[in-house]
Amino acid sequence: LTNQTESTFLYRGEQLRAVTYTVQRNGQPVQLRNINVRPFSITCSP
């Protein structure tokens, strides 16, 4: 993990907690977004 930024994601009028993070995978930077949709979370493109 090299960077992490908290934000929100708007889904059907509801603000959901989101975290965008950058990881180094085999020397290459990869950005991912994790959205908390209680009781689960999903990972997608930022």
ModelCIF file with pLDDT and N, C-alpha, C, O atoms, coordinates in Angstrom:
data_MODEL
#
_entry.id   MODEL 
#
_entity.id                         1 
_entity.type                       polymer 
_entity.pdbx_number_of_molecules   1 
#
_entity_poly.entity_id                      1 
_entity_poly.type                           'polypeptide(L)' 
_entity_poly.nstd_linkage                   no 
_entity_poly.nstd_monomer                   no 
_entity_poly.pdbx_seq_one_letter_code       LTNQTESTFLYRGEQLRAVTYTVQRNGQPVQLRNINVRPFSITCSP 
_entity_poly.pdbx_seq_one_letter_code_can   LTNQTESTFLYRGEQLRAVTYTVQRNGQPVQLRNINVRPFSITCSP 
_entity_poly.pdbx_strand_id                 A 
#
loop_
_entity_poly_seq.entity_id 
_entity_poly_seq.num 
_entity_poly_seq.mon_id 
_entity_poly_seq.hetero 
1 1  LEU n 
1 2  THR n 
1 3  ASN n 
1 4  GLN n 
1 5  THR n 
1 6  GLU n 
1 7  SER n 
1 8  THR n 
1 9  PHE n 
1 10 LEU n 
1 11 TYR n 
1 12 ARG n 
1 13 GLY n 
1 14 GLU n 
1 15 GLN n 
1 16 LEU n 
1 17 ARG n 
1 18 ALA n 
1 19 VAL n 
1 20 THR n 
1 21 TYR n 
1 22 THR n 
1 23 VAL n 
1 24 GLN n 
1 25 ARG n 
1 26 ASN n 
1 27 GLY n 
1 28 GLN n 
1 29 PRO n 
1 30 VAL n 
1 31 GLN n 
1 32 LEU n 
1 33 ARG n 
1 34 ASN n 
1 35 ILE n 
1 36 ASN n 
1 37 VAL n 
1 38 ARG n 
1 39 PRO n 
1 40 PHE n 
1 41 SER n 
1 42 ILE n 
1 43 THR n 
1 44 CYS n 
1 45 SER n 
1 46 PRO n 
#
_struct_asym.id          A 
_struct_asym.entity_id   1 
#
loop_
_ma_qa_metric.id 
_ma_qa_metric.mode 
_ma_qa_metric.name 
_ma_qa_metric.software_group_id 
_ma_qa_metric.type 
1 global pLDDT . pLDDT 
2 local  pLDDT . pLDDT 
#
_ma_qa_metric_global.metric_id      1 
_ma_qa_metric_global.metric_value   93.41 
_ma_qa_metric_global.model_id       1 
_ma_qa_metric_global.ordinal_id     1 
#
loop_
_ma_qa_metric_local.label_asym_id 
_ma_qa_metric_local.label_comp_id 
_ma_qa_metric_local.label_seq_id 
_ma_qa_metric_local.metric_id 
_ma_qa_metric_local.metric_value 
_ma_qa_metric_local.model_id 
_ma_qa_metric_local.ordinal_id 
A LEU 1  2 83.00 1 1  
A THR 2  2 85.00 1 2  
A ASN 3  2 90.00 1 3  
A GLN 4  2 93.00 1 4  
A THR 5  2 95.00 1 5  
A GLU 6  2 96.00 1 6  
A SER 7  2 96.00 1 7  
A THR 8  2 96.00 1 8  
A PHE 9  2 97.00 1 9  
A LEU 10 2 96.00 1 10 
A TYR 11 2 95.00 1 11 
A ARG 12 2 94.00 1 12 
A GLY 13 2 95.00 1 13 
A GLU 14 2 95.00 1 14 
A GLN 15 2 96.00 1 15 
A LEU 16 2 96.00 1 16 
A ARG 17 2 97.00 1 17 
A ALA 18 2 97.00 1 18 
A VAL 19 2 96.00 1 19 
A THR 20 2 96.00 1 20 
A TYR 21 2 93.00 1 21 
A THR 22 2 94.00 1 22 
A VAL 23 2 91.00 1 23 
A GLN 24 2 90.00 1 24 
A ARG 25 2 88.00 1 25 
A ASN 26 2 87.00 1 26 
A GLY 27 2 87.00 1 27 
A GLN 28 2 90.00 1 28 
A PRO 29 2 92.00 1 29 
A VAL 30 2 93.00 1 30 
A GLN 31 2 94.00 1 31 
A LEU 32 2 95.00 1 32 
A ARG 33 2 96.00 1 33 
A ASN 34 2 97.00 1 34 
A ILE 35 2 97.00 1 35 
A ASN 36 2 96.00 1 36 
A VAL 37 2 93.00 1 37 
A ARG 38 2 87.00 1 38 
A PRO 39 2 88.00 1 39 
A PHE 40 2 92.00 1 40 
A SER 41 2 95.00 1 41 
A ILE 42 2 96.00 1 42 
A THR 43 2 96.00 1 43 
A CYS 44 2 96.00 1 44 
A SER 45 2 95.00 1 45 
A PRO 46 2 95.00 1 46 
#
loop_
_atom_site.group_PDB 
_atom_site.id 
_atom_site.type_symbol 
_atom_site.label_atom_id 
_atom_site.label_alt_id 
_atom_site.label_comp_id 
_atom_site.label_asym_id 
_atom_site.label_entity_id 
_atom_site.label_seq_id 
_atom_site.pdbx_PDB_ins_code 
_atom_site.Cartn_x 
_atom_site.Cartn_y 
_atom_site.Cartn_z 
_atom_site.occupancy 
_atom_site.B_iso_or_equiv 
_atom_site.pdbx_formal_charge 
_atom_site.auth_seq_id 
_atom_site.auth_comp_id 
_atom_site.auth_asym_id 
_atom_site.auth_atom_id 
_atom_site.pdbx_PDB_model_num 
ATOM 1   N N  . LEU A 1 1  ? 0.843   -1.188 0.000   1.00 83.00 ? 1  LEU A N  1 
ATOM 2   C CA . LEU A 1 1  ? 0.000   0.000  0.000   1.00 83.00 ? 1  LEU A CA 1 
ATOM 3   C C  . LEU A 1 1  ? 0.879   1.239  0.000   1.00 83.00 ? 1  LEU A C  1 
ATOM 4   O O  . LEU A 1 1  ? 1.736   1.398  0.870   1.00 83.00 ? 1  LEU A O  1 
ATOM 5   N N  . THR A 1 2  ? 0.668   2.124  -0.982  1.00 85.00 ? 2  THR A N  1 
ATOM 6   C CA . THR A 1 2  ? 1.501   3.323  -1.072  1.00 85.00 ? 2  THR A CA 1 
ATOM 7   C C  . THR A 1 2  ? 0.722   4.607  -0.818  1.00 85.00 ? 2  THR A C  1 
ATOM 8   O O  . THR A 1 2  ? 1.314   5.616  -0.435  1.00 85.00 ? 2  THR A O  1 
ATOM 9   N N  . ASN A 1 3  ? -0.609  4.590  -1.027  1.00 90.00 ? 3  ASN A N  1 
ATOM 10  C CA . ASN A 1 3  ? -1.405  5.794  -0.815  1.00 90.00 ? 3  ASN A CA 1 
ATOM 11  C C  . ASN A 1 3  ? -2.849  5.397  -0.544  1.00 90.00 ? 3  ASN A C  1 
ATOM 12  O O  . ASN A 1 3  ? -3.338  4.395  -1.065  1.00 90.00 ? 3  ASN A O  1 
ATOM 13  N N  . GLN A 1 4  ? -3.534  6.205  0.290   1.00 93.00 ? 4  GLN A N  1 
ATOM 14  C CA . GLN A 1 4  ? -4.928  5.925  0.623   1.00 93.00 ? 4  GLN A CA 1 
ATOM 15  C C  . GLN A 1 4  ? -5.651  7.247  0.816   1.00 93.00 ? 4  GLN A C  1 
ATOM 16  O O  . GLN A 1 4  ? -5.171  8.118  1.543   1.00 93.00 ? 4  GLN A O  1 
ATOM 17  N N  . THR A 1 5  ? -6.819  7.408  0.164   1.00 95.00 ? 5  THR A N  1 
ATOM 18  C CA . THR A 1 5  ? -7.594  8.639  0.260   1.00 95.00 ? 5  THR A CA 1 
ATOM 19  C C  . THR A 1 5  ? -9.053  8.294  0.536   1.00 95.00 ? 5  THR A C  1 
ATOM 20  O O  . THR A 1 5  ? -9.655  7.500  -0.187  1.00 95.00 ? 5  THR A O  1 
ATOM 21  N N  . GLU A 1 6  ? -9.618  8.891  1.583   1.00 96.00 ? 6  GLU A N  1 
ATOM 22  C CA . GLU A 1 6  ? -11.021 8.650  1.905   1.00 96.00 ? 6  GLU A CA 1 
ATOM 23  C C  . GLU A 1 6  ? -11.902 9.641  1.173   1.00 96.00 ? 6  GLU A C  1 
ATOM 24  O O  . GLU A 1 6  ? -11.537 10.803 0.991   1.00 96.00 ? 6  GLU A O  1 
ATOM 25  N N  . SER A 1 7  ? -13.075 9.167  0.753   1.00 96.00 ? 7  SER A N  1 
ATOM 26  C CA . SER A 1 7  ? -14.037 10.019 0.057   1.00 96.00 ? 7  SER A CA 1 
ATOM 27  C C  . SER A 1 7  ? -15.420 9.405  0.224   1.00 96.00 ? 7  SER A C  1 
ATOM 28  O O  . SER A 1 7  ? -15.617 8.535  1.072   1.00 96.00 ? 7  SER A O  1 
ATOM 29  N N  . THR A 1 8  ? -16.372 9.852  -0.581  1.00 96.00 ? 8  THR A N  1 
ATOM 30  C CA . THR A 1 8  ? -17.701 9.263  -0.582  1.00 96.00 ? 8  THR A CA 1 
ATOM 31  C C  . THR A 1 8  ? -18.085 8.909  -2.012  1.00 96.00 ? 8  THR A C  1 
ATOM 32  O O  . THR A 1 8  ? -17.519 9.438  -2.969  1.00 96.00 ? 8  THR A O  1 
ATOM 33  N N  . PHE A 1 9  ? -19.054 8.007  -2.144  1.00 97.00 ? 9  PHE A N  1 
ATOM 34  C CA . PHE A 1 9  ? -19.585 7.605  -3.436  1.00 97.00 ? 9  PHE A CA 1 
ATOM 35  C C  . PHE A 1 9  ? -21.095 7.712  -3.347  1.00 97.00 ? 9  PHE A C  1 
ATOM 36  O O  . PHE A 1 9  ? -21.702 7.171  -2.423  1.00 97.00 ? 9  PHE A O  1 
ATOM 37  N N  . LEU A 1 10 ? -21.709 8.402  -4.296  1.00 96.00 ? 10 LEU A N  1 
ATOM 38  C CA . LEU A 1 10 ? -23.149 8.613  -4.284  1.00 96.00 ? 10 LEU A CA 1 
ATOM 39  C C  . LEU A 1 10 ? -23.840 7.481  -5.040  1.00 96.00 ? 10 LEU A C  1 
ATOM 40  O O  . LEU A 1 10 ? -23.611 7.290  -6.234  1.00 96.00 ? 10 LEU A O  1 
ATOM 41  N N  . TYR A 1 11 ? -24.686 6.735  -4.334  1.00 95.00 ? 11 TYR A N  1 
ATOM 42  C CA . TYR A 1 11 ? -25.452 5.645  -4.943  1.00 95.00 ? 11 TYR A CA 1 
ATOM 43  C C  . TYR A 1 11 ? -26.908 5.808  -4.551  1.00 95.00 ? 11 TYR A C  1 
ATOM 44  O O  . TYR A 1 11 ? -27.269 5.678  -3.381  1.00 95.00 ? 11 TYR A O  1 
ATOM 45  N N  . ARG A 1 12 ? -27.747 6.096  -5.551  1.00 94.00 ? 12 ARG A N  1 
ATOM 46  C CA . ARG A 1 12 ? -29.189 6.286  -5.349  1.00 94.00 ? 12 ARG A CA 1 
ATOM 47  C C  . ARG A 1 12 ? -29.489 7.294  -4.240  1.00 94.00 ? 12 ARG A C  1 
ATOM 48  O O  . ARG A 1 12 ? -30.348 7.065  -3.389  1.00 94.00 ? 12 ARG A O  1 
ATOM 49  N N  . GLY A 1 13 ? -28.776 8.396  -4.267  1.00 95.00 ? 13 GLY A N  1 
ATOM 50  C CA . GLY A 1 13 ? -29.006 9.466  -3.310  1.00 95.00 ? 13 GLY A CA 1 
ATOM 51  C C  . GLY A 1 13 ? -28.371 9.261  -1.943  1.00 95.00 ? 13 GLY A C  1 
ATOM 52  O O  . GLY A 1 13 ? -28.489 10.124 -1.073  1.00 95.00 ? 13 GLY A O  1 
ATOM 53  N N  . GLU A 1 14 ? -27.708 8.146  -1.743  1.00 95.00 ? 14 GLU A N  1 
ATOM 54  C CA . GLU A 1 14 ? -27.068 7.853  -0.458  1.00 95.00 ? 14 GLU A CA 1 
ATOM 55  C C  . GLU A 1 14 ? -25.553 7.984  -0.589  1.00 95.00 ? 14 GLU A C  1 
ATOM 56  O O  . GLU A 1 14 ? -24.951 7.453  -1.522  1.00 95.00 ? 14 GLU A O  1 
ATOM 57  N N  . GLN A 1 15 ? -24.954 8.693  0.350   1.00 96.00 ? 15 GLN A N  1 
ATOM 58  C CA . GLN A 1 15 ? -23.501 8.857  0.357   1.00 96.00 ? 15 GLN A CA 1 
ATOM 59  C C  . GLN A 1 15 ? -22.880 7.671  1.079   1.00 96.00 ? 15 GLN A C  1 
ATOM 60  O O  . GLN A 1 15 ? -23.136 7.441  2.261   1.00 96.00 ? 15 GLN A O  1 
ATOM 61  N N  . LEU A 1 16 ? -22.059 6.923  0.347   1.00 96.00 ? 16 LEU A N  1 
ATOM 62  C CA . LEU A 1 16 ? -21.391 5.755  0.902   1.00 96.00 ? 16 LEU A CA 1 
ATOM 63  C C  . LEU A 1 16 ? -19.915 6.053  1.118   1.00 96.00 ? 16 LEU A C  1 
ATOM 64  O O  . LEU A 1 16 ? -19.303 6.773  0.328   1.00 96.00 ? 16 LEU A O  1 
ATOM 65  N N  . ARG A 1 17 ? -19.344 5.509  2.176   1.00 97.00 ? 17 ARG A N  1 
ATOM 66  C CA . ARG A 1 17 ? -17.920 5.696  2.457   1.00 97.00 ? 17 ARG A CA 1 
ATOM 67  C C  . ARG A 1 17 ? -17.101 4.964  1.405   1.00 97.00 ? 17 ARG A C  1 
ATOM 68  O O  . ARG A 1 17 ? -17.353 3.798  1.101   1.00 97.00 ? 17 ARG A O  1 
ATOM 69  N N  . ALA A 1 18 ? -16.125 5.660  0.858   1.00 97.00 ? 18 ALA A N  1 
ATOM 70  C CA . ALA A 1 18 ? -15.252 5.069  -0.155  1.00 97.00 ? 18 ALA A CA 1 
ATOM 71  C C  . ALA A 1 18 ? -13.798 5.369  0.197   1.00 97.00 ? 18 ALA A C  1 
ATOM 72  O O  . ALA A 1 18 ? -13.480 6.419  0.757   1.00 97.00 ? 18 ALA A O  1 
ATOM 73  N N  . VAL A 1 19 ? -12.936 4.436  -0.138  1.00 96.00 ? 19 VAL A N  1 
ATOM 74  C CA . VAL A 1 19 ? -11.500 4.619  0.050   1.00 96.00 ? 19 VAL A CA 1 
ATOM 75  C C  . VAL A 1 19 ? -10.827 4.275  -1.274  1.00 96.00 ? 19 VAL A C  1 
ATOM 76  O O  . VAL A 1 19 ? -10.986 3.172  -1.797  1.00 96.00 ? 19 VAL A O  1 
ATOM 77  N N  . THR A 1 20 ? -10.079 5.226  -1.801  1.00 96.00 ? 20 THR A N  1 
ATOM 78  C CA . THR A 1 20 ? -9.288  4.973  -2.998  1.00 96.00 ? 20 THR A CA 1 
ATOM 79  C C  . THR A 1 20 ? -7.861  4.750  -2.546  1.00 96.00 ? 20 THR A C  1 
ATOM 80  O O  . THR A 1 20 ? -7.303  5.552  -1.797  1.00 96.00 ? 20 THR A O  1 
ATOM 81  N N  . TYR A 1 21 ? -7.280  3.668  -3.000  1.00 93.00 ? 21 TYR A N  1 
ATOM 82  C CA . TYR A 1 21 ? -5.918  3.383  -2.578  1.00 93.00 ? 21 TYR A CA 1 
ATOM 83  C C  . TYR A 1 21 ? -5.068  2.941  -3.757  1.00 93.00 ? 21 TYR A C  1 
ATOM 84  O O  . TYR A 1 21 ? -5.554  2.394  -4.748  1.00 93.00 ? 21 TYR A O  1 
ATOM 85  N N  . THR A 1 22 ? -3.791  3.200  -3.605  1.00 94.00 ? 22 THR A N  1 
ATOM 86  C CA . THR A 1 22 ? -2.809  2.799  -4.600  1.00 94.00 ? 22 THR A CA 1 
ATOM 87  C C  . THR A 1 22 ? -1.911  1.747  -3.971  1.00 94.00 ? 22 THR A C  1 
ATOM 88  O O  . THR A 1 22 ? -1.378  1.931  -2.877  1.00 94.00 ? 22 THR A O  1 
ATOM 89  N N  . VAL A 1 23 ? -1.756  0.647  -4.681  1.00 91.00 ? 23 VAL A N  1 
ATOM 90  C CA . VAL A 1 23 ? -0.864  -0.414 -4.225  1.00 91.00 ? 23 VAL A CA 1 
ATOM 91  C C  . VAL A 1 23 ? 0.184   -0.660 -5.297  1.00 91.00 ? 23 VAL A C  1 
ATOM 92  O O  . VAL A 1 23 ? -0.046  -0.411 -6.480  1.00 91.00 ? 23 VAL A O  1 
ATOM 93  N N  . GLN A 1 24 ? 1.318   -1.145 -4.872  1.00 90.00 ? 24 GLN A N  1 
ATOM 94  C CA . GLN A 1 24 ? 2.366   -1.565 -5.794  1.00 90.00 ? 24 GLN A CA 1 
ATOM 95  C C  . GLN A 1 24 ? 2.235   -3.079 -5.951  1.00 90.00 ? 24 GLN A C  1 
ATOM 96  O O  . GLN A 1 24 ? 2.428   -3.821 -4.988  1.00 90.00 ? 24 GLN A O  1 
ATOM 97  N N  . ARG A 1 25 ? 1.910   -3.535 -7.144  1.00 88.00 ? 25 ARG A N  1 
ATOM 98  C CA . ARG A 1 25 ? 1.831   -4.964 -7.430  1.00 88.00 ? 25 ARG A CA 1 
ATOM 99  C C  . ARG A 1 25 ? 2.939   -5.312 -8.404  1.00 88.00 ? 25 ARG A C  1 
ATOM 100 O O  . ARG A 1 25 ? 2.938   -4.880 -9.557  1.00 88.00 ? 25 ARG A O  1 
ATOM 101 N N  . ASN A 1 26 ? 3.871   -6.092 -7.922  1.00 87.00 ? 26 ASN A N  1 
ATOM 102 C CA . ASN A 1 26 ? 5.010   -6.492 -8.747  1.00 87.00 ? 26 ASN A CA 1 
ATOM 103 C C  . ASN A 1 26 ? 5.700   -5.289 -9.374  1.00 87.00 ? 26 ASN A C  1 
ATOM 104 O O  . ASN A 1 26 ? 6.112   -5.327 -10.534 1.00 87.00 ? 26 ASN A O  1 
ATOM 105 N N  . GLY A 1 27 ? 5.819   -4.223 -8.593  1.00 87.00 ? 27 GLY A N  1 
ATOM 106 C CA . GLY A 1 27 ? 6.527   -3.031 -9.036  1.00 87.00 ? 27 GLY A CA 1 
ATOM 107 C C  . GLY A 1 27 ? 5.696   -2.048 -9.832  1.00 87.00 ? 27 GLY A C  1 
ATOM 108 O O  . GLY A 1 27 ? 6.205   -0.992 -10.206 1.00 87.00 ? 27 GLY A O  1 
ATOM 109 N N  . GLN A 1 28 ? 4.428   -2.355 -10.107 1.00 90.00 ? 28 GLN A N  1 
ATOM 110 C CA . GLN A 1 28 ? 3.571   -1.476 -10.893 1.00 90.00 ? 28 GLN A CA 1 
ATOM 111 C C  . GLN A 1 28 ? 2.488   -0.876 -9.996  1.00 90.00 ? 28 GLN A C  1 
ATOM 112 O O  . GLN A 1 28 ? 1.879   -1.603 -9.212  1.00 90.00 ? 28 GLN A O  1 
ATOM 113 N N  . PRO A 1 29 ? 2.231   0.439  -10.093 1.00 92.00 ? 29 PRO A N  1 
ATOM 114 C CA . PRO A 1 29 ? 1.163   1.043  -9.285  1.00 92.00 ? 29 PRO A CA 1 
ATOM 115 C C  . PRO A 1 29 ? -0.215  0.687  -9.837  1.00 92.00 ? 29 PRO A C  1 
ATOM 116 O O  . PRO A 1 29 ? -0.446  0.760  -11.044 1.00 92.00 ? 29 PRO A O  1 
ATOM 117 N N  . VAL A 1 30 ? -1.125  0.302  -8.947  1.00 93.00 ? 30 VAL A N  1 
ATOM 118 C CA . VAL A 1 30 ? -2.497  -0.042 -9.316  1.00 93.00 ? 30 VAL A CA 1 
ATOM 119 C C  . VAL A 1 30 ? -3.424  0.720  -8.384  1.00 93.00 ? 30 VAL A C  1 
ATOM 120 O O  . VAL A 1 30 ? -3.245  0.674  -7.167  1.00 93.00 ? 30 VAL A O  1 
ATOM 121 N N  . GLN A 1 31 ? -4.421  1.428  -8.936  1.00 94.00 ? 31 GLN A N  1 
ATOM 122 C CA . GLN A 1 31 ? -5.383  2.144  -8.115  1.00 94.00 ? 31 GLN A CA 1 
ATOM 123 C C  . GLN A 1 31 ? -6.688  1.369  -8.039  1.00 94.00 ? 31 GLN A C  1 
ATOM 124 O O  . GLN A 1 31 ? -7.164  0.837  -9.042  1.00 94.00 ? 31 GLN A O  1 
ATOM 125 N N  . LEU A 1 32 ? -7.264  1.308  -6.843  1.00 95.00 ? 32 LEU A N  1 
ATOM 126 C CA . LEU A 1 32 ? -8.520  0.622  -6.595  1.00 95.00 ? 32 LEU A CA 1 
ATOM 127 C C  . LEU A 1 32 ? -9.390  1.481  -5.701  1.00 95.00 ? 32 LEU A C  1 
ATOM 128 O O  . LEU A 1 32 ? -8.886  2.280  -4.912  1.00 95.00 ? 32 LEU A O  1 
ATOM 129 N N  . ARG A 1 33 ? -10.701 1.317  -5.827  1.00 96.00 ? 33 ARG A N  1 
ATOM 130 C CA . ARG A 1 33 ? -11.649 2.012  -4.953  1.00 96.00 ? 33 ARG A CA 1 
ATOM 131 C C  . ARG A 1 33 ? -12.448 0.956  -4.208  1.00 96.00 ? 33 ARG A C  1 
ATOM 132 O O  . ARG A 1 33 ? -12.975 0.025  -4.817  1.00 96.00 ? 33 ARG A O  1 
ATOM 133 N N  . ASN A 1 34 ? -12.537 1.100  -2.903  1.00 97.00 ? 34 ASN A N  1 
ATOM 134 C CA . ASN A 1 34 ? -13.317 0.204  -2.068  1.00 97.00 ? 34 ASN A CA 1 
ATOM 135 C C  . ASN A 1 34 ? -14.481 1.005  -1.509  1.00 97.00 ? 34 ASN A C  1 
ATOM 136 O O  . ASN A 1 34 ? -14.282 2.022  -0.844  1.00 97.00 ? 34 ASN A O  1 
ATOM 137 N N  . ILE A 1 35 ? -15.709 0.541  -1.784  1.00 97.00 ? 35 ILE A N  1 
ATOM 138 C CA . ILE A 1 35 ? -16.909 1.246  -1.328  1.00 97.00 ? 35 ILE A CA 1 
ATOM 139 C C  . ILE A 1 35 ? -17.614 0.394  -0.296  1.00 97.00 ? 35 ILE A C  1 
ATOM 140 O O  . ILE A 1 35 ? -17.889 -0.783 -0.530  1.00 97.00 ? 35 ILE A O  1 
ATOM 141 N N  . ASN A 1 36 ? -17.907 0.999  0.858   1.00 96.00 ? 36 ASN A N  1 
ATOM 142 C CA . ASN A 1 36 ? -18.562 0.299  1.955   1.00 96.00 ? 36 ASN A CA 1 
ATOM 143 C C  . ASN A 1 36 ? -20.073 0.439  1.800   1.00 96.00 ? 36 ASN A C  1 
ATOM 144 O O  . ASN A 1 36 ? -20.634 1.519  1.988   1.00 96.00 ? 36 ASN A O  1 
ATOM 145 N N  . VAL A 1 37 ? -20.725 -0.686 1.448   1.00 93.00 ? 37 VAL A N  1 
ATOM 146 C CA . VAL A 1 37 ? -22.181 -0.744 1.310   1.00 93.00 ? 37 VAL A CA 1 
ATOM 147 C C  . VAL A 1 37 ? -22.650 -1.729 2.364   1.00 93.00 ? 37 VAL A C  1 
ATOM 148 O O  . VAL A 1 37 ? -22.833 -2.911 2.074   1.00 93.00 ? 37 VAL A O  1 
ATOM 149 N N  . ARG A 1 38 ? -22.841 -1.260 3.560   1.00 87.00 ? 38 ARG A N  1 
ATOM 150 C CA . ARG A 1 38 ? -23.124 -2.167 4.672   1.00 87.00 ? 38 ARG A CA 1 
ATOM 151 C C  . ARG A 1 38 ? -24.209 -3.147 4.317   1.00 87.00 ? 38 ARG A C  1 
ATOM 152 O O  . ARG A 1 38 ? -25.243 -2.729 3.795   1.00 87.00 ? 38 ARG A O  1 
ATOM 153 N N  . PRO A 1 39 ? -24.036 -4.411 4.566   1.00 88.00 ? 39 PRO A N  1 
ATOM 154 C CA . PRO A 1 39 ? -23.011 -5.076 5.368   1.00 88.00 ? 39 PRO A CA 1 
ATOM 155 C C  . PRO A 1 39 ? -21.857 -5.633 4.542   1.00 88.00 ? 39 PRO A C  1 
ATOM 156 O O  . PRO A 1 39 ? -21.167 -6.542 5.004   1.00 88.00 ? 39 PRO A O  1 
ATOM 157 N N  . PHE A 1 40 ? -21.629 -5.121 3.347   1.00 92.00 ? 40 PHE A N  1 
ATOM 158 C CA . PHE A 1 40 ? -20.546 -5.627 2.514   1.00 92.00 ? 40 PHE A CA 1 
ATOM 159 C C  . PHE A 1 40 ? -19.810 -4.460 1.877   1.00 92.00 ? 40 PHE A C  1 
ATOM 160 O O  . PHE A 1 40 ? -20.213 -3.306 2.020   1.00 92.00 ? 40 PHE A O  1 
ATOM 161 N N  . SER A 1 41 ? -18.740 -4.766 1.181   1.00 95.00 ? 41 SER A N  1 
ATOM 162 C CA . SER A 1 41 ? -18.020 -3.734 0.430   1.00 95.00 ? 41 SER A CA 1 
ATOM 163 C C  . SER A 1 41 ? -17.652 -4.300 -0.929  1.00 95.00 ? 41 SER A C  1 
ATOM 164 O O  . SER A 1 41 ? -17.539 -5.514 -1.103  1.00 95.00 ? 41 SER A O  1 
ATOM 165 N N  . ILE A 1 42 ? -17.466 -3.404 -1.886  1.00 96.00 ? 42 ILE A N  1 
ATOM 166 C CA . ILE A 1 42 ? -17.075 -3.826 -3.226  1.00 96.00 ? 42 ILE A CA 1 
ATOM 167 C C  . ILE A 1 42 ? -15.797 -3.079 -3.607  1.00 96.00 ? 42 ILE A C  1 
ATOM 168 O O  . ILE A 1 42 ? -15.509 -2.007 -3.076  1.00 96.00 ? 42 ILE A O  1 
ATOM 169 N N  . THR A 1 43 ? -15.056 -3.649 -4.515  1.00 96.00 ? 43 THR A N  1 
ATOM 170 C CA . THR A 1 43 ? -13.844 -3.019 -5.037  1.00 96.00 ? 43 THR A CA 1 
ATOM 171 C C  . THR A 1 43 ? -14.045 -2.807 -6.530  1.00 96.00 ? 43 THR A C  1 
ATOM 172 O O  . THR A 1 43 ? -14.477 -3.706 -7.251  1.00 96.00 ? 43 THR A O  1 
ATOM 173 N N  . CYS A 1 44 ? -13.722 -1.599 -6.978  1.00 96.00 ? 44 CYS A N  1 
ATOM 174 C CA . CYS A 1 44 ? -13.923 -1.265 -8.382  1.00 96.00 ? 44 CYS A CA 1 
ATOM 175 C C  . CYS A 1 44 ? -12.893 -0.220 -8.809  1.00 96.00 ? 44 CYS A C  1 
ATOM 176 O O  . CYS A 1 44 ? -12.026 0.180  -8.032  1.00 96.00 ? 44 CYS A O  1 
ATOM 177 N N  . SER A 1 45 ? -13.012 0.207  -10.059 1.00 95.00 ? 45 SER A N  1 
ATOM 178 C CA . SER A 1 45 ? -12.100 1.208  -10.605 1.00 95.00 ? 45 SER A CA 1 
ATOM 179 C C  . SER A 1 45 ? -12.396 2.582  -10.013 1.00 95.00 ? 45 SER A C  1 
ATOM 180 O O  . SER A 1 45 ? -13.563 2.961  -9.914  1.00 95.00 ? 45 SER A O  1 
ATOM 181 N N  . PRO A 1 46 ? -11.381 3.332  -9.621  1.00 95.00 ? 46 PRO A N  1 
ATOM 182 C CA . PRO A 1 46 ? -11.618 4.669  -9.077  1.00 95.00 ? 46 PRO A CA 1 
ATOM 183 C C  . PRO A 1 46 ? -12.033 5.678  -10.145 1.00 95.00 ? 46 PRO A C  1 
ATOM 184 O O  . PRO A 1 46 ? -12.266 6.846  -9.833  1.00 95.00 ? 46 PRO A O  1 
#
